Amino acid sequence: EIKTLISASSDQVETGVSLVNRGGAALTDIVERVGNIAALIADIATGAQEQSVGLAEINVGVNELDKVTQQNAAMVEEANAAAVTMKQEAGNLQTLVARFRLKGPTAAVSPRSRTETAIPAAALPPPAAEFEPPKRAVNDAGWQDF
Protein backbone atom coordinates (compact mmCIF):
# COMPACT_ATOMS: atom_id res chain seq x y z
CA GLU A 1 0.00 0.00 0.00
CA ILE A 2 2.77 2.36 0.89
CA LYS A 3 4.56 1.44 -2.28
CA THR A 4 1.42 2.27 -4.27
CA LEU A 5 1.02 5.54 -2.44
CA ILE A 6 4.66 6.44 -3.05
CA SER A 7 4.34 5.49 -6.69
CA ALA A 8 1.16 7.59 -7.08
CA SER A 9 2.78 10.44 -5.22
CA SER A 10 5.83 10.19 -7.47
CA ASP A 11 3.56 10.32 -10.55
CA GLN A 12 1.82 13.38 -9.20
CA VAL A 13 5.12 15.10 -8.42
CA GLU A 14 6.29 14.30 -11.93
CA THR A 15 3.08 15.75 -13.35
CA GLY A 16 3.53 18.84 -11.13
CA VAL A 17 7.12 19.30 -12.31
CA SER A 18 5.94 19.05 -15.89
CA LEU A 19 3.24 21.66 -15.25
CA VAL A 20 5.72 23.99 -13.51
CA ASN A 21 8.12 23.65 -16.49
CA ARG A 22 5.30 24.47 -18.91
CA GLY A 23 4.32 27.44 -16.70
CA GLY A 24 7.95 28.61 -16.67
CA ALA A 25 8.10 28.40 -20.47
CA ALA A 26 4.84 30.35 -20.72
CA LEU A 27 6.19 33.00 -18.35
CA THR A 28 9.41 33.22 -20.38
CA ASP A 29 7.31 33.71 -23.54
CA ILE A 30 5.25 36.42 -21.77
CA VAL A 31 8.40 38.24 -20.62
CA GLU A 32 9.79 38.11 -24.16
CA ARG A 33 6.56 39.52 -25.61
CA VAL A 34 6.41 42.27 -22.96
CA GLY A 35 9.99 43.18 -23.92
CA ASN A 36 8.93 43.42 -27.59
CA ILE A 37 5.95 45.60 -26.63
CA ALA A 38 8.23 47.84 -24.56
CA ALA A 39 10.56 48.24 -27.55
CA LEU A 40 7.59 49.13 -29.80
CA ILE A 41 6.34 51.67 -27.25
CA ALA A 42 9.84 53.19 -27.08
CA ASP A 43 9.82 53.50 -30.90
CA ILE A 44 6.40 55.15 -30.76
CA ALA A 45 7.64 57.58 -28.09
CA THR A 46 10.68 58.43 -30.21
CA GLY A 47 8.47 59.03 -33.25
CA ALA A 48 6.11 61.20 -31.22
CA GLN A 49 9.06 63.24 -29.93
CA GLU A 50 10.36 63.73 -33.49
CA GLN A 51 6.90 64.81 -34.63
CA SER A 52 6.70 67.23 -31.72
CA VAL A 53 10.02 68.80 -32.74
CA GLY A 54 8.85 68.99 -36.36
CA LEU A 55 5.57 70.63 -35.37
CA ALA A 56 7.43 73.14 -33.22
CA GLU A 57 9.63 74.05 -36.20
CA ILE A 58 6.54 74.39 -38.41
CA ASN A 59 4.96 76.62 -35.77
CA VAL A 60 8.04 78.86 -35.77
CA GLY A 61 7.88 79.05 -39.56
CA VAL A 62 4.18 79.93 -39.54
CA ASN A 63 4.79 82.63 -36.93
CA GLU A 64 7.60 84.10 -39.05
CA LEU A 65 5.35 83.98 -42.12
CA ASP A 66 2.60 85.76 -40.19
CA LYS A 67 5.05 88.41 -39.03
CA VAL A 68 6.30 89.00 -42.59
CA THR A 69 2.72 89.11 -43.87
CA GLN A 70 1.84 91.76 -41.30
CA GLN A 71 4.93 93.76 -42.24
CA ASN A 72 4.00 93.51 -45.92
CA ALA A 73 0.46 94.65 -45.15
CA ALA A 74 1.82 97.63 -43.22
CA MET A 75 4.13 98.53 -46.12
CA VAL A 76 1.21 98.30 -48.56
CA GLU A 77 -0.79 100.66 -46.33
CA GLU A 78 2.13 103.07 -46.25
CA ALA A 79 2.60 102.84 -50.02
CA ASN A 80 -1.12 103.44 -50.54
CA ALA A 81 -1.05 106.48 -48.26
CA ALA A 82 2.04 107.78 -50.08
CA ALA A 83 0.30 107.28 -53.44
CA VAL A 84 -2.73 109.25 -52.23
CA THR A 85 -0.45 112.03 -51.00
CA MET A 86 1.50 112.00 -54.27
CA LYS A 87 -1.72 112.22 -56.28
CA GLN A 88 -2.88 115.20 -54.25
CA GLU A 89 0.50 116.89 -54.52
CA ALA A 90 0.57 116.25 -58.29
CA GLY A 91 -2.85 117.91 -58.53
CA ASN A 92 -1.58 120.86 -56.51
CA LEU A 93 1.52 121.11 -58.72
CA GLN A 94 -0.61 120.95 -61.85
CA THR A 95 -2.77 123.77 -60.49
CA LEU A 96 0.30 125.86 -59.66
CA VAL A 97 1.97 125.21 -63.04
CA ALA A 98 -1.26 126.12 -64.83
CA ARG A 99 -0.76 129.71 -63.57
CA PHE A 100 2.25 130.12 -65.86
CA ARG A 101 2.05 130.94 -69.55
CA LEU A 102 4.99 130.16 -71.78
CA LYS A 103 5.86 132.47 -74.70
CA GLY A 104 8.25 132.28 -77.60
CA PRO A 105 9.41 129.65 -80.08
CA THR A 106 12.08 128.18 -77.76
CA ALA A 107 9.60 126.82 -75.30
CA ALA A 108 8.82 123.15 -75.88
CA VAL A 109 5.08 123.13 -75.38
CA SER A 110 2.31 121.23 -77.00
CA PRO A 111 0.19 122.96 -79.63
CA ARG A 112 -2.79 122.86 -77.30
CA SER A 113 -1.02 124.78 -74.54
CA ARG A 114 0.04 127.55 -77.00
CA THR A 115 -3.57 128.39 -77.71
CA GLU A 116 -4.72 128.33 -74.10
CA THR A 117 -4.91 131.52 -72.16
CA ALA A 118 -3.47 131.98 -68.70
CA ILE A 119 -5.81 131.48 -65.79
CA PRO A 120 -5.87 134.40 -63.37
CA ALA A 121 -4.49 133.53 -59.94
CA ALA A 122 -7.73 134.64 -58.29
CA ALA A 123 -9.67 131.99 -60.26
CA LEU A 124 -7.43 129.14 -59.07
CA PRO A 125 -8.42 127.14 -56.03
CA PRO A 126 -6.20 127.50 -52.98
CA PRO A 127 -3.56 124.78 -52.55
CA ALA A 128 -4.88 121.69 -50.80
CA ALA A 129 -3.96 121.21 -47.17
CA GLU A 130 -1.14 118.77 -46.57
CA PHE A 131 -2.55 115.22 -46.39
CA GLU A 132 -1.29 112.97 -43.66
CA PRO A 133 -2.52 109.39 -43.80
CA PRO A 134 -3.86 107.90 -40.58
CA LYS A 135 -1.33 105.99 -38.56
CA ARG A 136 -2.23 102.32 -38.34
CA ALA A 137 -0.83 99.33 -36.59
CA VAL A 138 -1.52 95.62 -36.56
CA ASN A 139 -2.36 93.99 -33.27
CA ASP A 140 -3.98 90.68 -32.28
CA ALA A 141 -7.43 92.07 -33.14
CA GLY A 142 -6.37 93.28 -36.62
CA TRP A 143 -5.76 96.81 -37.97
CA GLN A 144 -6.25 99.68 -35.57
CA ASP A 145 -5.95 103.44 -36.13
CA PHE A 146 -4.17 105.56 -33.54
C-alpha atoms as a PDB file:
ATOM      1  CA  GLU A   1       0.000   0.000   0.000  1.00  0.00           C
ATOM      2  CA  ILE A   2       2.775   2.356   0.887  1.00  0.00           C
ATOM      3  CA  LYS A   3       4.562   1.441  -2.284  1.00  0.00           C
ATOM      4  CA  THR A   4       1.418   2.271  -4.273  1.00  0.00           C
ATOM      5  CA  LEU A   5       1.023   5.542  -2.441  1.00  0.00           C
ATOM      6  CA  ILE A   6       4.663   6.437  -3.047  1.00  0.00           C
ATOM      7  CA  SER A   7       4.337   5.488  -6.693  1.00  0.00           C
ATOM      8  CA  ALA A   8       1.158   7.592  -7.078  1.00  0.00           C
ATOM      9  CA  SER A   9       2.779  10.437  -5.221  1.00  0.00           C
ATOM     10  CA  SER A  10       5.832  10.194  -7.471  1.00  0.00           C
ATOM     11  CA  ASP A  11       3.563  10.317 -10.554  1.00  0.00           C
ATOM     12  CA  GLN A  12       1.817  13.381  -9.195  1.00  0.00           C
ATOM     13  CA  VAL A  13       5.123  15.102  -8.419  1.00  0.00           C
ATOM     14  CA  GLU A  14       6.290  14.295 -11.930  1.00  0.00           C
ATOM     15  CA  THR A  15       3.076  15.754 -13.355  1.00  0.00           C
ATOM     16  CA  GLY A  16       3.527  18.837 -11.133  1.00  0.00           C
ATOM     17  CA  VAL A  17       7.115  19.304 -12.305  1.00  0.00           C
ATOM     18  CA  SER A  18       5.939  19.046 -15.893  1.00  0.00           C
ATOM     19  CA  LEU A  19       3.239  21.659 -15.254  1.00  0.00           C
ATOM     20  CA  VAL A  20       5.721  23.985 -13.512  1.00  0.00           C
ATOM     21  CA  ASN A  21       8.115  23.646 -16.494  1.00  0.00           C
ATOM     22  CA  ARG A  22       5.303  24.470 -18.911  1.00  0.00           C
ATOM     23  CA  GLY A  23       4.324  27.437 -16.697  1.00  0.00           C
ATOM     24  CA  GLY A  24       7.953  28.612 -16.672  1.00  0.00           C
ATOM     25  CA  ALA A  25       8.095  28.402 -20.474  1.00  0.00           C
ATOM     26  CA  ALA A  26       4.837  30.348 -20.715  1.00  0.00           C
ATOM     27  CA  LEU A  27       6.193  33.001 -18.347  1.00  0.00           C
ATOM     28  CA  THR A  28       9.408  33.221 -20.384  1.00  0.00           C
ATOM     29  CA  ASP A  29       7.310  33.708 -23.535  1.00  0.00           C
ATOM     30  CA  ILE A  30       5.253  36.416 -21.775  1.00  0.00           C
ATOM     31  CA  VAL A  31       8.400  38.243 -20.619  1.00  0.00           C
ATOM     32  CA  GLU A  32       9.791  38.112 -24.159  1.00  0.00           C
ATOM     33  CA  ARG A  33       6.558  39.519 -25.612  1.00  0.00           C
ATOM     34  CA  VAL A  34       6.412  42.273 -22.965  1.00  0.00           C
ATOM     35  CA  GLY A  35       9.991  43.184 -23.923  1.00  0.00           C
ATOM     36  CA  ASN A  36       8.928  43.423 -27.588  1.00  0.00           C
ATOM     37  CA  ILE A  37       5.954  45.598 -26.629  1.00  0.00           C
ATOM     38  CA  ALA A  38       8.232  47.844 -24.559  1.00  0.00           C
ATOM     39  CA  ALA A  39      10.559  48.237 -27.553  1.00  0.00           C
ATOM     40  CA  LEU A  40       7.594  49.132 -29.802  1.00  0.00           C
ATOM     41  CA  ILE A  41       6.342  51.669 -27.250  1.00  0.00           C
ATOM     42  CA  ALA A  42       9.841  53.192 -27.076  1.00  0.00           C
ATOM     43  CA  ASP A  43       9.821  53.497 -30.897  1.00  0.00           C
ATOM     44  CA  ILE A  44       6.403  55.147 -30.763  1.00  0.00           C
ATOM     45  CA  ALA A  45       7.635  57.578 -28.094  1.00  0.00           C
ATOM     46  CA  THR A  46      10.677  58.429 -30.213  1.00  0.00           C
ATOM     47  CA  GLY A  47       8.466  59.030 -33.247  1.00  0.00           C
ATOM     48  CA  ALA A  48       6.112  61.201 -31.216  1.00  0.00           C
ATOM     49  CA  GLN A  49       9.063  63.242 -29.933  1.00  0.00           C
ATOM     50  CA  GLU A  50      10.363  63.734 -33.486  1.00  0.00           C
ATOM     51  CA  GLN A  51       6.900  64.808 -34.627  1.00  0.00           C
ATOM     52  CA  SER A  52       6.703  67.233 -31.719  1.00  0.00           C
ATOM     53  CA  VAL A  53      10.021  68.800 -32.738  1.00  0.00           C
ATOM     54  CA  GLY A  54       8.851  68.993 -36.361  1.00  0.00           C
ATOM     55  CA  LEU A  55       5.571  70.631 -35.369  1.00  0.00           C
ATOM     56  CA  ALA A  56       7.433  73.144 -33.215  1.00  0.00           C
ATOM     57  CA  GLU A  57       9.628  74.051 -36.203  1.00  0.00           C
ATOM     58  CA  ILE A  58       6.541  74.394 -38.415  1.00  0.00           C
ATOM     59  CA  ASN A  59       4.959  76.623 -35.773  1.00  0.00           C
ATOM     60  CA  VAL A  60       8.038  78.865 -35.770  1.00  0.00           C
ATOM     61  CA  GLY A  61       7.881  79.052 -39.563  1.00  0.00           C
ATOM     62  CA  VAL A  62       4.181  79.927 -39.536  1.00  0.00           C
ATOM     63  CA  ASN A  63       4.793  82.629 -36.926  1.00  0.00           C
ATOM     64  CA  GLU A  64       7.595  84.102 -39.051  1.00  0.00           C
ATOM     65  CA  LEU A  65       5.353  83.977 -42.117  1.00  0.00           C
ATOM     66  CA  ASP A  66       2.596  85.757 -40.187  1.00  0.00           C
ATOM     67  CA  LYS A  67       5.054  88.411 -39.034  1.00  0.00           C
ATOM     68  CA  VAL A  68       6.303  89.004 -42.588  1.00  0.00           C
ATOM     69  CA  THR A  69       2.717  89.114 -43.871  1.00  0.00           C
ATOM     70  CA  GLN A  70       1.836  91.764 -41.301  1.00  0.00           C
ATOM     71  CA  GLN A  71       4.930  93.762 -42.244  1.00  0.00           C
ATOM     72  CA  ASN A  72       3.996  93.512 -45.918  1.00  0.00           C
ATOM     73  CA  ALA A  73       0.456  94.649 -45.147  1.00  0.00           C
ATOM     74  CA  ALA A  74       1.823  97.629 -43.220  1.00  0.00           C
ATOM     75  CA  MET A  75       4.129  98.525 -46.120  1.00  0.00           C
ATOM     76  CA  VAL A  76       1.206  98.296 -48.556  1.00  0.00           C
ATOM     77  CA  GLU A  77      -0.793 100.655 -46.331  1.00  0.00           C
ATOM     78  CA  GLU A  78       2.133 103.070 -46.252  1.00  0.00           C
ATOM     79  CA  ALA A  79       2.603 102.842 -50.022  1.00  0.00           C
ATOM     80  CA  ASN A  80      -1.118 103.437 -50.537  1.00  0.00           C
ATOM     81  CA  ALA A  81      -1.054 106.484 -48.257  1.00  0.00           C
ATOM     82  CA  ALA A  82       2.043 107.776 -50.076  1.00  0.00           C
ATOM     83  CA  ALA A  83       0.303 107.282 -53.436  1.00  0.00           C
ATOM     84  CA  VAL A  84      -2.727 109.247 -52.234  1.00  0.00           C
ATOM     85  CA  THR A  85      -0.453 112.026 -51.002  1.00  0.00           C
ATOM     86  CA  MET A  86       1.498 112.002 -54.270  1.00  0.00           C
ATOM     87  CA  LYS A  87      -1.720 112.215 -56.277  1.00  0.00           C
ATOM     88  CA  GLN A  88      -2.882 115.203 -54.248  1.00  0.00           C
ATOM     89  CA  GLU A  89       0.499 116.888 -54.525  1.00  0.00           C
ATOM     90  CA  ALA A  90       0.566 116.249 -58.293  1.00  0.00           C
ATOM     91  CA  GLY A  91      -2.854 117.910 -58.535  1.00  0.00           C
ATOM     92  CA  ASN A  92      -1.577 120.859 -56.508  1.00  0.00           C
ATOM     93  CA  LEU A  93       1.516 121.105 -58.720  1.00  0.00           C
ATOM     94  CA  GLN A  94      -0.614 120.951 -61.851  1.00  0.00           C
ATOM     95  CA  THR A  95      -2.767 123.775 -60.493  1.00  0.00           C
ATOM     96  CA  LEU A  96       0.296 125.858 -59.656  1.00  0.00           C
ATOM     97  CA  VAL A  97       1.969 125.211 -63.038  1.00  0.00           C
ATOM     98  CA  ALA A  98      -1.260 126.124 -64.827  1.00  0.00           C
ATOM     99  CA  ARG A  99      -0.760 129.708 -63.569  1.00  0.00           C
ATOM    100  CA  PHE A 100       2.246 130.124 -65.860  1.00  0.00           C
ATOM    101  CA  ARG A 101       2.051 130.942 -69.551  1.00  0.00           C
ATOM    102  CA  LEU A 102       4.991 130.160 -71.777  1.00  0.00           C
ATOM    103  CA  LYS A 103       5.856 132.468 -74.698  1.00  0.00           C
ATOM    104  CA  GLY A 104       8.246 132.279 -77.597  1.00  0.00           C
ATOM    105  CA  PRO A 105       9.406 129.651 -80.081  1.00  0.00           C
ATOM    106  CA  THR A 106      12.083 128.181 -77.759  1.00  0.00           C
ATOM    107  CA  ALA A 107       9.602 126.821 -75.296  1.00  0.00           C
ATOM    108  CA  ALA A 108       8.821 123.153 -75.882  1.00  0.00           C
ATOM    109  CA  VAL A 109       5.082 123.127 -75.384  1.00  0.00           C
ATOM    110  CA  SER A 110       2.308 121.225 -76.997  1.00  0.00           C
ATOM    111  CA  PRO A 111       0.186 122.957 -79.634  1.00  0.00           C
ATOM    112  CA  ARG A 112      -2.787 122.856 -77.303  1.00  0.00           C
ATOM    113  CA  SER A 113      -1.018 124.778 -74.540  1.00  0.00           C
ATOM    114  CA  ARG A 114       0.039 127.553 -77.005  1.00  0.00           C
ATOM    115  CA  THR A 115      -3.574 128.385 -77.711  1.00  0.00           C
ATOM    116  CA  GLU A 116      -4.722 128.326 -74.104  1.00  0.00           C
ATOM    117  CA  THR A 117      -4.911 131.523 -72.155  1.00  0.00           C
ATOM    118  CA  ALA A 118      -3.468 131.977 -68.700  1.00  0.00           C
ATOM    119  CA  ILE A 119      -5.813 131.477 -65.793  1.00  0.00           C
ATOM    120  CA  PRO A 120      -5.870 134.403 -63.374  1.00  0.00           C
ATOM    121  CA  ALA A 121      -4.492 133.530 -59.944  1.00  0.00           C
ATOM    122  CA  ALA A 122      -7.731 134.638 -58.290  1.00  0.00           C
ATOM    123  CA  ALA A 123      -9.673 131.990 -60.265  1.00  0.00           C
ATOM    124  CA  LEU A 124      -7.428 129.137 -59.066  1.00  0.00           C
ATOM    125  CA  PRO A 125      -8.420 127.145 -56.027  1.00  0.00           C
ATOM    126  CA  PRO A 126      -6.197 127.504 -52.982  1.00  0.00           C
ATOM    127  CA  PRO A 127      -3.563 124.780 -52.554  1.00  0.00           C
ATOM    128  CA  ALA A 128      -4.877 121.691 -50.800  1.00  0.00           C
ATOM    129  CA  ALA A 129      -3.958 121.208 -47.168  1.00  0.00           C
ATOM    130  CA  GLU A 130      -1.138 118.765 -46.566  1.00  0.00           C
ATOM    131  CA  PHE A 131      -2.548 115.224 -46.388  1.00  0.00           C
ATOM    132  CA  GLU A 132      -1.286 112.972 -43.661  1.00  0.00           C
ATOM    133  CA  PRO A 133      -2.521 109.392 -43.797  1.00  0.00           C
ATOM    134  CA  PRO A 134      -3.862 107.898 -40.577  1.00  0.00           C
ATOM    135  CA  LYS A 135      -1.327 105.987 -38.563  1.00  0.00           C
ATOM    136  CA  ARG A 136      -2.229 102.322 -38.342  1.00  0.00           C
ATOM    137  CA  ALA A 137      -0.833  99.326 -36.586  1.00  0.00           C
ATOM    138  CA  VAL A 138      -1.520  95.623 -36.558  1.00  0.00           C
ATOM    139  CA  ASN A 139      -2.360  93.994 -33.273  1.00  0.00           C
ATOM    140  CA  ASP A 140      -3.976  90.681 -32.283  1.00  0.00           C
ATOM    141  CA  ALA A 141      -7.428  92.073 -33.141  1.00  0.00           C
ATOM    142  CA  GLY A 142      -6.366  93.281 -36.620  1.00  0.00           C
ATOM    143  CA  TRP A 143      -5.758  96.815 -37.968  1.00  0.00           C
ATOM    144  CA  GLN A 144      -6.250  99.682 -35.572  1.00  0.00           C
ATOM    145  CA  ASP A 145      -5.955 103.444 -36.126  1.00  0.00           C
ATOM    146  CA  PHE A 146      -4.171 105.556 -33.537  1.00  0.00           C
END
